[in-house]
Amino acid sequence: MAGQIPAKPKPSTSQEMPKRTAAEEARLDRIAADDIADGIGVPLDEAIAWVESWGTPGELPSPKARKLP
């Protein structure tokens, strides 16, 4: 088996991404593009703090998107 690439292991989490159709992906892309055009988002520092809190006793709730200055 030398030289063969091992199979990619399945994620061990129960929170796998759902399968989406091309139409659903296109719909979500339009929503995201509209939010960007309207200045809607999450400040980077809040997103970083949220991710860094994962798996800790003080895990933060996900930050909410809003109109950014």
N, C-alpha and C. Protein backbone atom coordinates (compact mmCIF):
# COMPACT_ATOMS: atom_id res chain seq x y z
N MET A 1 0.81 -1.20 0.00
CA MET A 1 0.00 0.00 0.00
C MET A 1 0.85 1.26 0.00
N ALA A 2 2.13 1.12 -0.09
CA ALA A 2 2.99 2.30 -0.10
C ALA A 2 2.63 3.18 -1.29
N GLY A 3 2.59 4.48 -1.04
CA GLY A 3 2.29 5.44 -2.09
C GLY A 3 0.81 5.72 -2.27
N GLN A 4 -0.05 4.98 -1.59
CA GLN A 4 -1.48 5.24 -1.70
C GLN A 4 -1.91 6.26 -0.67
N ILE A 5 -2.82 7.10 -1.06
CA ILE A 5 -3.36 8.10 -0.15
C ILE A 5 -4.44 7.44 0.68
N PRO A 6 -4.34 7.54 2.01
CA PRO A 6 -5.36 6.91 2.84
C PRO A 6 -6.71 7.60 2.67
N ALA A 7 -7.77 6.84 2.89
CA ALA A 7 -9.12 7.41 2.80
C ALA A 7 -9.29 8.48 3.85
N LYS A 8 -9.99 9.53 3.48
CA LYS A 8 -10.27 10.62 4.41
C LYS A 8 -11.24 10.12 5.47
N PRO A 9 -10.90 10.29 6.76
CA PRO A 9 -11.81 9.81 7.80
C PRO A 9 -13.10 10.63 7.84
N LYS A 10 -14.19 9.97 8.21
CA LYS A 10 -15.46 10.68 8.36
C LYS A 10 -15.37 11.57 9.59
N PRO A 11 -16.04 12.73 9.57
CA PRO A 11 -16.05 13.58 10.77
C PRO A 11 -16.63 12.82 11.95
N SER A 12 -16.09 13.07 13.12
CA SER A 12 -16.55 12.37 14.31
C SER A 12 -17.67 13.14 15.01
N THR A 13 -18.09 14.24 14.46
CA THR A 13 -19.13 15.05 15.08
C THR A 13 -20.49 14.70 14.51
N SER A 14 -21.51 14.93 15.30
CA SER A 14 -22.88 14.70 14.82
C SER A 14 -23.41 15.95 14.11
N GLN A 15 -22.59 16.98 14.01
CA GLN A 15 -23.02 18.25 13.41
C GLN A 15 -22.48 18.38 11.99
N GLU A 16 -22.64 17.35 11.18
CA GLU A 16 -22.17 17.41 9.80
C GLU A 16 -23.04 18.37 9.01
N MET A 17 -22.44 18.97 7.98
CA MET A 17 -23.18 19.90 7.13
C MET A 17 -24.24 19.14 6.34
N PRO A 18 -25.45 19.69 6.28
CA PRO A 18 -26.49 19.01 5.50
C PRO A 18 -26.19 19.10 4.00
N LYS A 19 -26.64 18.14 3.24
CA LYS A 19 -26.50 18.18 1.79
C LYS A 19 -27.49 19.20 1.24
N ARG A 20 -27.03 20.04 0.32
CA ARG A 20 -27.90 21.07 -0.26
C ARG A 20 -27.94 20.90 -1.77
N THR A 21 -29.07 21.26 -2.33
CA THR A 21 -29.20 21.24 -3.78
C THR A 21 -28.52 22.47 -4.36
N ALA A 22 -28.26 22.45 -5.65
CA ALA A 22 -27.67 23.61 -6.32
C ALA A 22 -28.59 24.82 -6.20
N ALA A 23 -29.90 24.60 -6.27
CA ALA A 23 -30.85 25.70 -6.13
C ALA A 23 -30.79 26.31 -4.74
N GLU A 24 -30.66 25.47 -3.72
CA GLU A 24 -30.56 25.98 -2.35
C GLU A 24 -29.27 26.75 -2.15
N GLU A 25 -28.17 26.24 -2.71
CA GLU A 25 -26.89 26.96 -2.62
C GLU A 25 -26.99 28.32 -3.30
N ALA A 26 -27.63 28.37 -4.46
CA ALA A 26 -27.80 29.63 -5.18
C ALA A 26 -28.64 30.61 -4.38
N ARG A 27 -29.70 30.12 -3.74
CA ARG A 27 -30.56 30.97 -2.91
C ARG A 27 -29.77 31.54 -1.73
N LEU A 28 -28.98 30.71 -1.07
CA LEU A 28 -28.18 31.18 0.05
C LEU A 28 -27.10 32.17 -0.40
N ASP A 29 -26.53 31.95 -1.58
CA ASP A 29 -25.55 32.88 -2.13
C ASP A 29 -26.18 34.25 -2.38
N ARG A 30 -27.42 34.28 -2.89
CA ARG A 30 -28.11 35.56 -3.12
C ARG A 30 -28.36 36.28 -1.80
N ILE A 31 -28.77 35.54 -0.78
CA ILE A 31 -29.01 36.15 0.54
C ILE A 31 -27.71 36.75 1.08
N ALA A 32 -26.62 36.00 0.98
CA ALA A 32 -25.33 36.49 1.45
C ALA A 32 -24.89 37.73 0.69
N ALA A 33 -25.05 37.73 -0.63
CA ALA A 33 -24.67 38.88 -1.44
C ALA A 33 -25.50 40.11 -1.07
N ASP A 34 -26.79 39.91 -0.82
CA ASP A 34 -27.65 41.02 -0.40
C ASP A 34 -27.20 41.57 0.95
N ASP A 35 -26.87 40.68 1.90
CA ASP A 35 -26.40 41.13 3.21
C ASP A 35 -25.12 41.94 3.07
N ILE A 36 -24.20 41.48 2.25
CA ILE A 36 -22.93 42.20 2.05
C ILE A 36 -23.21 43.58 1.47
N ALA A 37 -24.07 43.63 0.47
CA ALA A 37 -24.41 44.91 -0.17
C ALA A 37 -25.08 45.87 0.81
N ASP A 38 -25.85 45.32 1.75
CA ASP A 38 -26.55 46.14 2.75
C ASP A 38 -25.72 46.44 3.99
N GLY A 39 -24.46 45.95 4.03
CA GLY A 39 -23.59 46.22 5.17
C GLY A 39 -23.94 45.39 6.40
N ILE A 40 -24.55 44.23 6.21
CA ILE A 40 -24.93 43.37 7.32
C ILE A 40 -23.80 42.37 7.55
N GLY A 41 -23.45 42.16 8.81
CA GLY A 41 -22.39 41.20 9.11
C GLY A 41 -22.17 41.07 10.60
N VAL A 42 -21.11 40.37 10.96
CA VAL A 42 -20.69 40.18 12.34
C VAL A 42 -19.28 40.74 12.45
N PRO A 43 -19.02 41.62 13.43
CA PRO A 43 -17.66 42.13 13.59
C PRO A 43 -16.67 40.98 13.81
N LEU A 44 -15.50 41.07 13.18
CA LEU A 44 -14.50 40.01 13.25
C LEU A 44 -14.11 39.69 14.68
N ASP A 45 -13.93 40.70 15.53
CA ASP A 45 -13.51 40.43 16.90
C ASP A 45 -14.54 39.58 17.66
N GLU A 46 -15.84 39.79 17.37
CA GLU A 46 -16.88 38.98 18.00
C GLU A 46 -16.85 37.55 17.48
N ALA A 47 -16.62 37.39 16.19
CA ALA A 47 -16.55 36.05 15.60
C ALA A 47 -15.36 35.28 16.17
N ILE A 48 -14.23 35.94 16.29
CA ILE A 48 -13.03 35.30 16.84
C ILE A 48 -13.25 34.90 18.29
N ALA A 49 -13.81 35.80 19.10
CA ALA A 49 -14.08 35.49 20.51
C ALA A 49 -15.01 34.29 20.64
N TRP A 50 -16.03 34.23 19.77
CA TRP A 50 -16.97 33.12 19.80
C TRP A 50 -16.26 31.80 19.49
N VAL A 51 -15.48 31.77 18.41
CA VAL A 51 -14.78 30.53 18.02
C VAL A 51 -13.78 30.12 19.10
N GLU A 52 -13.06 31.07 19.65
CA GLU A 52 -12.07 30.74 20.69
C GLU A 52 -12.72 30.21 21.97
N SER A 53 -14.01 30.49 22.15
CA SER A 53 -14.70 30.02 23.36
C SER A 53 -15.24 28.60 23.22
N TRP A 54 -15.23 28.06 22.01
CA TRP A 54 -15.77 26.71 21.78
C TRP A 54 -15.05 25.70 22.66
N GLY A 55 -15.82 24.84 23.30
CA GLY A 55 -15.26 23.77 24.12
C GLY A 55 -14.77 24.22 25.48
N THR A 56 -15.03 25.48 25.83
CA THR A 56 -14.64 25.97 27.15
C THR A 56 -15.87 26.07 28.04
N PRO A 57 -15.68 26.14 29.37
CA PRO A 57 -16.83 26.30 30.26
C PRO A 57 -17.61 27.60 30.00
N GLY A 58 -16.93 28.61 29.45
CA GLY A 58 -17.58 29.90 29.19
C GLY A 58 -17.93 30.08 27.73
N GLU A 59 -18.33 29.00 27.05
CA GLU A 59 -18.62 29.09 25.62
C GLU A 59 -19.67 30.16 25.35
N LEU A 60 -19.37 31.03 24.40
CA LEU A 60 -20.24 32.15 24.06
C LEU A 60 -21.32 31.73 23.07
N PRO A 61 -22.47 32.42 23.10
CA PRO A 61 -23.47 32.18 22.06
C PRO A 61 -22.97 32.76 20.75
N SER A 62 -23.48 32.26 19.64
CA SER A 62 -23.02 32.77 18.35
C SER A 62 -23.41 34.24 18.22
N PRO A 63 -22.51 35.06 17.69
CA PRO A 63 -22.82 36.48 17.52
C PRO A 63 -23.90 36.67 16.45
N LYS A 64 -24.69 37.68 16.62
CA LYS A 64 -25.79 37.96 15.68
C LYS A 64 -25.36 38.97 14.63
N ALA A 65 -25.73 38.70 13.41
CA ALA A 65 -25.45 39.63 12.32
C ALA A 65 -26.28 40.89 12.50
N ARG A 66 -25.69 42.03 12.09
CA ARG A 66 -26.39 43.30 12.21
C ARG A 66 -25.77 44.31 11.24
N LYS A 67 -26.39 45.45 11.11
CA LYS A 67 -25.86 46.52 10.27
C LYS A 67 -24.56 47.01 10.88
N LEU A 68 -23.50 47.00 10.09
CA LEU A 68 -22.19 47.43 10.59
C LEU A 68 -21.95 48.89 10.18
N PRO A 69 -21.18 49.60 11.02
CA PRO A 69 -20.91 51.02 10.69
C PRO A 69 -20.03 51.17 9.46
